Amino acid sequence: MALSPADKSVSILRALSDFFANPLARAVGLVFAADSFLFGSWVARIPYVKYSLDINDAELGLALFLLPIGSIVMNPFTGKIIQRIGSAQSCLIGGLGFFASVMVPILAPNLLILSLGLFIMGFFTALLNVAMNTCAANLEKEQGLTIMSTCHGMWSLGGMLGSALAGALIWADIPASYHLLGVAIFLIIFIILIQPTLRAIHEEKSPESTSLARPTKALMVLIFIGIAVSMGEGVSFDWSAIYLREIANSSASFSALGFAFFSLAMTIGRFVGDTVIPRFGQKRLLAFGGLMAAAGLLIAILFPNPYIVLLGFLVLGFGCSLGAPILYAASMRLPDTTPAAGLATFATLSFIGFMAGPPIVGFIAEGFGLPNGLLFVMILLATSGIASHWARI
């Protein structure tokens, strides 16, 4: 018998209540939130960096490309690092490095130092990304929980709060360096204090290698969809503020709302994900999400009014919201692939979309305009919705 809307609401609220009542689940979720809080704080300041260094879209895109390069360099080693020192300790190392390194690009005196700082950020965020997802997967297995979507919801919530705070501080004319220094110090203290709780999560030690897995057809389909979805996320992170400022002609403080609206939709979608995914099916939601995300970008492209663009990023957020929770979990259930290797490989290659997408958009924007950069991502998202038919999940 189908559940009534009231019953569904109760089920969703109960799942969220159980998540926040569980100290281990709550701790993992807070690590996800801390990671994106820094991202949200950083991306809102990207226009400041661009204008202060007087660089064009292509130069900014080239600098942003160093972030995924850093991730590519680190990601093949993440599985082995986590196996050797544990996911909690890996969260600590990745978090300390990521949170501290944001000061390099925000204080960069030139394009070279900006690029170096972004490379370092990418290097450490790769380790933190795989480590916190491993923590969530270990806790799901240990306690028989379903928390992956809610953890990713916490990631979206952190990004929304980080960008919203940045918008307020920009409006208040607080210097970017003071803003990000305060955020970095707060998050460094947090990742140290949360360590004892993370270490309480049971972790199975496997004697087998956790390097990258052999690229099977099933894994490559997941990676393609993951690249498309993460490109949608990456565009919102790195280009939403600039799109609103330069194409929709919004104010500096209003432009920070683009990512906040995107993150709001991602947060809502992911918080209900652990309830709706079993009900409607992973393939169906992946297909619908890809097409919905593409529609959101199309709205922003066709109607460059600040308020309509915000609506477009909201729709994009709902469309992208369940991609990562579904795909990360699926990558650990592939046949003939160990869970750690599947997760590390998927995270390595799909994360390229999140990191490389914005630079690609920058190169397209320099030659053909920023709306055409978004159009490229829109087409990729629509294609991923179709490709989900062949996903083995």
Protein backbone atom coordinates (compact mmCIF):
# COMPACT_ATOMS: atom_id res chain seq x y z
CA MET A 1 0.00 0.00 0.00
CA ALA A 2 1.33 3.43 -0.97
CA LEU A 3 2.22 5.81 1.80
CA SER A 4 0.28 9.04 2.16
CA PRO A 5 2.21 12.37 1.99
CA ALA A 6 1.86 12.65 5.77
CA ASP A 7 3.31 9.15 6.26
CA LYS A 8 6.20 9.95 3.91
CA SER A 9 6.95 13.13 5.85
CA VAL A 10 6.98 11.20 9.12
CA SER A 11 9.31 8.59 7.59
CA ILE A 12 11.72 11.28 6.35
CA LEU A 13 11.70 13.11 9.68
CA ARG A 14 12.26 9.86 11.57
CA ALA A 15 15.27 9.00 9.38
CA LEU A 16 16.77 12.45 9.97
CA SER A 17 16.04 12.24 13.70
CA ASP A 18 17.77 8.86 13.92
CA PHE A 19 20.77 10.23 12.04
CA PHE A 20 21.29 13.25 14.31
CA ALA A 21 20.62 11.17 17.45
CA ASN A 22 23.47 8.81 16.53
CA PRO A 23 26.75 10.42 17.71
CA LEU A 24 28.90 8.52 15.20
CA ALA A 25 26.64 9.32 12.24
CA ARG A 26 26.42 12.94 13.37
CA ALA A 27 30.22 13.19 13.59
CA VAL A 28 30.72 11.83 10.07
CA GLY A 29 28.06 14.18 8.77
CA LEU A 30 29.80 17.14 10.38
CA VAL A 31 33.05 16.24 8.61
CA PHE A 32 31.15 16.32 5.30
CA ALA A 33 29.74 19.72 6.29
CA ALA A 34 33.16 21.08 7.28
CA ASP A 35 34.64 20.07 3.92
CA SER A 36 32.01 21.94 1.91
CA PHE A 37 31.84 24.88 4.34
CA LEU A 38 35.36 25.72 3.26
CA PHE A 39 34.49 25.16 -0.40
CA GLY A 40 31.46 27.42 -0.08
CA SER A 41 33.54 30.09 1.61
CA TRP A 42 36.24 29.88 -1.06
CA VAL A 43 34.03 29.91 -4.16
CA ALA A 44 32.20 33.04 -3.04
CA ARG A 45 35.58 34.78 -3.03
CA ILE A 46 36.64 33.64 -6.52
CA PRO A 47 35.38 36.87 -8.16
CA TYR A 48 37.52 38.81 -5.67
CA VAL A 49 40.58 36.78 -6.65
CA LYS A 50 39.88 37.23 -10.35
CA TYR A 51 39.48 40.99 -10.10
CA SER A 52 42.31 41.58 -7.62
CA LEU A 53 44.80 39.71 -9.83
CA ASP A 54 43.27 41.20 -12.99
CA ILE A 55 43.09 37.86 -14.82
CA ASN A 56 40.70 36.79 -17.56
CA ASP A 57 38.37 33.77 -17.70
CA ALA A 58 40.94 31.57 -19.43
CA GLU A 59 43.66 32.40 -16.89
CA LEU A 60 41.24 31.77 -14.03
CA GLY A 61 40.19 28.51 -15.67
CA LEU A 62 43.83 27.46 -15.98
CA ALA A 63 44.45 28.21 -12.30
CA LEU A 64 41.30 26.36 -11.24
CA PHE A 65 42.47 23.38 -13.29
CA LEU A 66 45.38 22.93 -10.86
CA LEU A 67 42.90 21.87 -8.18
CA PRO A 68 41.84 18.71 -10.05
CA ILE A 69 45.47 18.08 -10.98
CA GLY A 70 46.28 18.00 -7.27
CA SER A 71 43.42 15.56 -6.71
CA ILE A 72 44.56 13.34 -9.59
CA VAL A 73 48.05 13.18 -8.10
CA MET A 74 46.73 12.20 -4.65
CA ASN A 75 43.75 9.98 -5.45
CA PRO A 76 45.61 6.82 -6.56
CA PHE A 77 47.20 6.71 -3.10
CA THR A 78 44.10 7.46 -1.00
CA GLY A 79 42.97 3.84 -0.67
CA LYS A 80 46.35 2.63 0.53
CA ILE A 81 46.74 5.59 2.91
CA ILE A 82 43.34 4.93 4.45
CA GLN A 83 44.09 1.20 4.77
CA ARG A 84 47.40 1.93 6.46
CA ILE A 85 46.43 4.67 8.95
CA GLY A 86 42.63 4.42 9.03
CA SER A 87 39.88 6.65 7.73
CA ALA A 88 39.72 8.81 10.89
CA GLN A 89 43.42 9.68 10.78
CA SER A 90 43.11 10.27 7.03
CA CYS A 91 40.26 12.72 7.69
CA LEU A 92 42.57 14.56 10.09
CA ILE A 93 45.49 14.82 7.68
CA GLY A 94 43.29 15.66 4.71
CA GLY A 95 41.30 18.19 6.70
CA LEU A 96 44.30 19.97 8.23
CA GLY A 97 45.97 20.29 4.85
CA PHE A 98 42.84 21.37 3.01
CA PHE A 99 41.66 23.92 5.56
CA ALA A 100 45.08 25.53 5.99
CA SER A 101 45.97 25.61 2.29
CA VAL A 102 43.03 27.89 1.37
CA MET A 103 45.12 30.81 2.60
CA VAL A 104 47.59 30.37 -0.27
CA PRO A 105 45.21 31.22 -3.14
CA ILE A 106 43.36 33.95 -1.25
CA LEU A 107 46.66 35.73 -0.49
CA ALA A 108 48.26 34.92 -3.85
CA PRO A 109 50.14 37.91 -5.35
CA ASN A 110 50.13 36.42 -8.84
CA LEU A 111 48.72 33.69 -11.07
CA LEU A 112 51.56 31.26 -10.32
CA ILE A 113 51.02 31.29 -6.54
CA LEU A 114 47.25 31.08 -7.06
CA SER A 115 47.74 27.96 -9.17
CA LEU A 116 50.14 26.43 -6.62
CA GLY A 117 47.69 27.05 -3.79
CA LEU A 118 44.85 25.43 -5.71
CA PHE A 119 47.05 22.41 -6.46
CA ILE A 120 47.72 21.97 -2.74
CA MET A 121 44.01 22.32 -1.95
CA GLY A 122 43.19 19.63 -4.51
CA PHE A 123 45.88 17.33 -3.13
CA PHE A 124 44.47 17.35 0.41
CA THR A 125 40.75 17.49 -0.42
CA ALA A 126 41.13 14.27 -2.42
CA LEU A 127 42.24 12.42 0.70
CA LEU A 128 39.53 14.00 2.84
CA ASN A 129 36.87 13.17 0.24
CA VAL A 130 37.61 9.44 0.10
CA ALA A 131 38.29 9.19 3.85
CA MET A 132 34.97 10.71 4.94
CA ASN A 133 33.01 8.58 2.45
CA THR A 134 34.84 5.53 3.80
CA CYS A 135 33.84 6.54 7.35
CA ALA A 136 30.20 6.72 6.24
CA ALA A 137 30.37 3.35 4.45
CA ASN A 138 32.05 1.68 7.45
CA LEU A 139 29.39 3.00 9.80
CA GLU A 140 26.60 1.85 7.49
CA LYS A 141 28.10 -1.65 7.50
CA GLU A 142 28.81 -1.68 11.25
CA GLN A 143 25.37 -0.55 12.42
CA GLY A 144 23.18 -1.55 9.46
CA LEU A 145 22.33 2.09 8.75
CA THR A 146 21.49 3.97 5.56
CA ILE A 147 23.19 7.33 5.97
CA MET A 148 25.16 8.02 2.79
CA SER A 149 22.60 10.41 1.28
CA THR A 150 22.17 12.28 4.57
CA CYS A 151 25.95 12.62 4.92
CA HIS A 152 26.07 14.15 1.46
CA GLY A 153 23.16 16.33 2.55
CA MET A 154 25.36 17.60 5.36
CA TRP A 155 28.00 18.35 2.73
CA SER A 156 25.48 20.45 0.81
CA LEU A 157 24.32 22.14 4.01
CA GLY A 158 27.89 23.10 4.85
CA GLY A 159 28.41 24.61 1.41
CA MET A 160 25.17 26.55 1.67
CA LEU A 161 26.10 27.97 5.07
CA GLY A 162 29.63 28.76 3.95
CA SER A 163 28.50 30.67 0.86
CA ALA A 164 25.69 32.42 2.73
CA LEU A 165 28.13 33.57 5.42
CA ALA A 166 30.51 34.72 2.70
CA GLY A 167 27.74 36.74 1.08
CA ALA A 168 27.00 38.44 4.38
CA LEU A 169 30.68 39.20 4.99
CA ILE A 170 31.11 40.53 1.46
CA TRP A 171 28.11 42.80 2.04
CA ALA A 172 29.72 43.92 5.31
CA ASP A 173 32.97 44.63 3.41
CA ILE A 174 35.04 42.18 5.50
CA PRO A 175 38.38 41.51 3.75
CA ALA A 176 38.57 38.13 2.03
CA SER A 177 41.80 37.21 3.84
CA TYR A 178 40.27 37.81 7.30
CA HIS A 179 37.16 35.86 6.33
CA LEU A 180 39.00 32.74 5.13
CA LEU A 181 41.55 32.87 7.94
CA GLY A 182 38.72 32.76 10.48
CA VAL A 183 37.04 29.89 8.64
CA ALA A 184 40.30 27.94 8.38
CA ILE A 185 41.12 28.29 12.09
CA PHE A 186 37.60 27.24 13.10
CA LEU A 187 37.64 24.14 10.87
CA ILE A 188 41.15 23.10 11.94
CA ILE A 189 40.05 23.15 15.59
CA PHE A 190 36.92 21.18 14.64
CA ILE A 191 38.73 18.40 12.75
CA ILE A 192 41.09 17.91 15.70
CA LEU A 193 38.29 17.77 18.28
CA ILE A 194 36.17 15.32 16.26
CA GLN A 195 38.96 12.73 16.02
CA PRO A 196 38.09 10.61 19.10
CA THR A 197 34.54 10.10 17.84
CA LEU A 198 35.62 9.14 14.32
CA ARG A 199 38.09 6.62 15.70
CA ALA A 200 35.25 4.84 17.49
CA ILE A 201 33.87 3.67 14.12
CA HIS A 202 34.80 0.04 13.49
CA GLU A 203 37.10 -0.40 10.52
CA GLU A 204 37.87 -3.71 8.88
CA LYS A 205 41.47 -4.12 7.81
CA SER A 206 41.87 -5.90 4.49
CA PRO A 207 45.14 -7.55 3.44
CA GLU A 208 44.44 -6.84 -0.22
CA SER A 209 45.62 -3.80 -2.14
CA THR A 210 43.28 -0.85 -2.30
CA SER A 211 44.86 0.85 -5.28
CA LEU A 212 42.72 1.78 -8.28
CA ALA A 213 40.45 -0.94 -9.67
CA ARG A 214 40.44 -2.35 -13.19
CA PRO A 215 38.11 -0.15 -15.29
CA THR A 216 35.21 -2.51 -16.01
CA LYS A 217 32.23 -1.49 -18.13
CA ALA A 218 30.01 -1.24 -15.05
CA LEU A 219 32.50 1.03 -13.31
CA MET A 220 33.01 3.24 -16.37
CA VAL A 221 29.27 3.88 -16.67
CA LEU A 222 29.15 5.00 -13.05
CA ILE A 223 32.21 7.19 -13.60
CA PHE A 224 30.68 8.89 -16.66
CA ILE A 225 27.49 9.73 -14.79
CA GLY A 226 29.57 10.84 -11.81
CA ILE A 227 31.68 13.15 -13.98
CA ALA A 228 28.55 14.78 -15.42
CA VAL A 229 26.88 15.26 -12.04
CA SER A 230 30.05 16.55 -10.42
CA MET A 231 30.54 18.97 -13.31
CA GLY A 232 27.12 20.39 -12.47
CA GLU A 233 28.24 20.78 -8.87
CA GLY A 234 31.62 22.23 -9.84
CA VAL A 235 30.05 24.82 -12.14
CA SER A 236 27.86 25.99 -9.27
CA PHE A 237 30.84 26.21 -6.95
CA ASP A 238 33.20 28.11 -9.21
CA TRP A 239 31.06 29.95 -11.75
CA SER A 240 27.65 30.71 -10.21
CA ALA A 241 28.88 33.92 -8.57
CA ILE A 242 30.66 35.11 -11.71
CA TYR A 243 27.69 34.19 -13.93
CA LEU A 244 25.34 36.19 -11.73
CA ARG A 245 27.77 39.11 -11.55
CA GLU A 246 28.80 39.33 -15.20
CA ILE A 247 25.92 37.81 -17.19
CA ALA A 248 22.92 38.56 -14.96
CA ASN A 249 24.42 41.90 -13.79
CA SER A 250 23.78 41.31 -10.09
CA SER A 251 25.60 42.91 -7.16
CA ALA A 252 28.63 41.32 -5.51
CA SER A 253 26.68 40.24 -2.42
CA PHE A 254 23.71 38.95 -4.47
CA SER A 255 26.03 36.88 -6.66
CA ALA A 256 27.03 34.78 -3.64
CA LEU A 257 23.42 33.58 -3.41
CA GLY A 258 23.77 31.45 -6.55
CA PHE A 259 25.71 28.75 -4.79
CA ALA A 260 23.60 29.19 -1.64
CA PHE A 261 20.41 28.40 -3.60
CA PHE A 262 22.09 25.47 -5.33
CA SER A 263 23.26 24.11 -1.97
CA LEU A 264 19.80 24.61 -0.42
CA ALA A 265 18.27 22.37 -3.08
CA MET A 266 21.10 19.83 -2.72
CA THR A 267 20.62 19.77 1.04
CA ILE A 268 16.86 19.17 0.84
CA GLY A 269 17.24 16.52 -1.87
CA ARG A 270 19.92 14.62 0.02
CA PHE A 271 18.24 14.81 3.41
CA VAL A 272 15.21 13.03 1.94
CA GLY A 273 17.39 10.73 -0.18
CA ASP A 274 17.78 7.87 2.29
CA THR A 275 13.99 7.63 2.34
CA VAL A 276 13.13 8.20 -1.33
CA ILE A 277 15.94 6.20 -2.98
CA PRO A 278 14.62 2.79 -1.80
CA ARG A 279 11.08 3.86 -2.72
CA PHE A 280 11.59 5.09 -6.28
CA GLY A 281 14.72 3.23 -7.33
CA GLN A 282 18.26 4.35 -8.02
CA LYS A 283 18.16 4.18 -11.82
CA ARG A 284 14.93 6.14 -12.07
CA LEU A 285 16.22 8.87 -9.78
CA LEU A 286 19.55 9.09 -11.62
CA ALA A 287 17.76 9.50 -14.96
CA PHE A 288 15.28 12.05 -13.65
CA GLY A 289 18.04 13.91 -11.82
CA GLY A 290 20.26 14.25 -14.88
CA LEU A 291 17.44 15.69 -16.98
CA MET A 292 16.29 17.98 -14.18
CA ALA A 293 19.82 19.30 -13.65
CA ALA A 294 20.12 20.01 -17.38
CA ALA A 295 16.81 21.89 -17.27
CA GLY A 296 18.11 24.06 -14.43
CA LEU A 297 21.14 25.17 -16.44
CA LEU A 298 18.94 25.78 -19.47
CA ILE A 299 16.79 28.14 -17.39
CA ALA A 300 19.88 30.09 -16.30
CA ILE A 301 21.17 30.28 -19.88
CA LEU A 302 17.92 31.36 -21.53
CA PHE A 303 16.80 33.88 -18.90
CA PRO A 304 19.80 35.85 -17.52
CA ASN A 305 17.72 37.72 -14.95
CA PRO A 306 19.26 37.50 -11.43
CA TYR A 307 16.15 36.01 -9.83
CA ILE A 308 15.48 33.54 -12.67
CA VAL A 309 19.14 32.49 -12.63
CA LEU A 310 18.75 31.74 -8.91
CA LEU A 311 15.77 29.56 -9.82
CA GLY A 312 17.91 27.79 -12.41
CA PHE A 313 20.63 27.00 -9.87
CA LEU A 314 17.94 25.80 -7.44
CA VAL A 315 16.61 23.35 -10.06
CA LEU A 316 20.18 22.31 -10.89
CA GLY A 317 20.75 21.53 -7.21
CA PHE A 318 17.68 19.31 -6.94
CA GLY A 319 18.74 17.48 -10.10
CA CYS A 320 22.28 16.83 -8.87
CA SER A 321 21.36 16.08 -5.27
CA LEU A 322 21.10 12.29 -5.29
CA GLY A 323 23.82 11.57 -7.86
CA ALA A 324 26.76 11.35 -5.46
CA PRO A 325 25.03 9.33 -2.69
CA ILE A 326 23.74 6.76 -5.20
CA LEU A 327 26.98 6.51 -7.16
CA TYR A 328 29.40 6.43 -4.22
CA ALA A 329 27.44 3.57 -2.63
CA ALA A 330 27.14 1.74 -5.97
CA SER A 331 30.90 1.95 -6.57
CA MET A 332 31.44 -0.18 -3.45
CA ARG A 333 29.08 -2.93 -4.62
CA LEU A 334 30.55 -3.70 -8.05
CA PRO A 335 31.28 -7.35 -8.94
CA ASP A 336 34.92 -8.43 -9.17
CA THR A 337 36.02 -5.20 -7.45
CA THR A 338 36.85 -4.69 -3.78
CA PRO A 339 34.76 -1.98 -2.07
CA ALA A 340 37.81 0.17 -1.23
CA ALA A 341 39.22 -0.08 -4.76
CA GLY A 342 35.83 0.64 -6.32
CA LEU A 343 35.31 3.70 -4.12
CA ALA A 344 38.85 5.03 -4.66
CA THR A 345 38.62 4.57 -8.44
CA PHE A 346 35.18 6.15 -8.71
CA ALA A 347 36.20 9.03 -6.44
CA THR A 348 39.41 9.58 -8.41
CA LEU A 349 37.84 9.78 -11.85
CA SER A 350 34.42 11.25 -11.08
CA PHE A 351 35.99 13.94 -8.90
CA ILE A 352 37.79 15.10 -12.03
CA GLY A 353 34.41 16.35 -13.22
CA PHE A 354 33.98 18.46 -10.11
CA MET A 355 37.46 19.88 -10.36
CA ALA A 356 38.08 19.96 -14.14
CA GLY A 357 34.58 21.08 -15.10
CA PRO A 358 35.02 24.70 -13.98
CA PRO A 359 38.34 25.16 -15.83
CA ILE A 360 36.82 23.66 -18.99
CA VAL A 361 33.92 26.09 -18.65
CA GLY A 362 36.49 28.89 -18.26
CA PHE A 363 38.23 27.97 -21.51
CA ILE A 364 34.91 27.79 -23.35
CA ALA A 365 33.82 31.08 -21.77
CA GLU A 366 36.93 32.88 -22.93
CA GLY A 367 36.36 31.87 -26.54
CA PHE A 368 32.58 31.67 -26.83
CA GLY A 369 31.09 33.29 -23.71
CA LEU A 370 30.15 31.97 -20.28
CA PRO A 371 26.58 30.92 -21.28
CA ASN A 372 28.08 28.51 -23.83
CA GLY A 373 30.32 27.11 -21.10
CA LEU A 374 27.22 26.28 -19.09
CA LEU A 375 25.59 24.86 -22.23
CA PHE A 376 28.40 22.30 -22.50
CA VAL A 377 27.70 21.07 -18.97
CA MET A 378 23.96 21.08 -19.62
CA ILE A 379 24.39 18.71 -22.59
CA LEU A 380 26.62 16.42 -20.54
CA LEU A 381 24.04 16.27 -17.72
CA ALA A 382 21.23 15.42 -20.14
CA THR A 383 23.40 12.65 -21.64
CA SER A 384 24.13 11.25 -18.19
CA GLY A 385 20.41 10.99 -17.51
CA ILE A 386 20.08 8.78 -20.58
CA ALA A 387 23.22 6.79 -19.70
CA SER A 388 21.80 5.87 -16.29
CA HIS A 389 19.71 3.22 -18.12
CA TRP A 390 22.90 1.15 -18.40
CA ALA A 391 24.10 1.72 -14.84
CA ARG A 392 24.62 -1.49 -12.86
CA ILE A 393 23.25 -0.48 -9.49
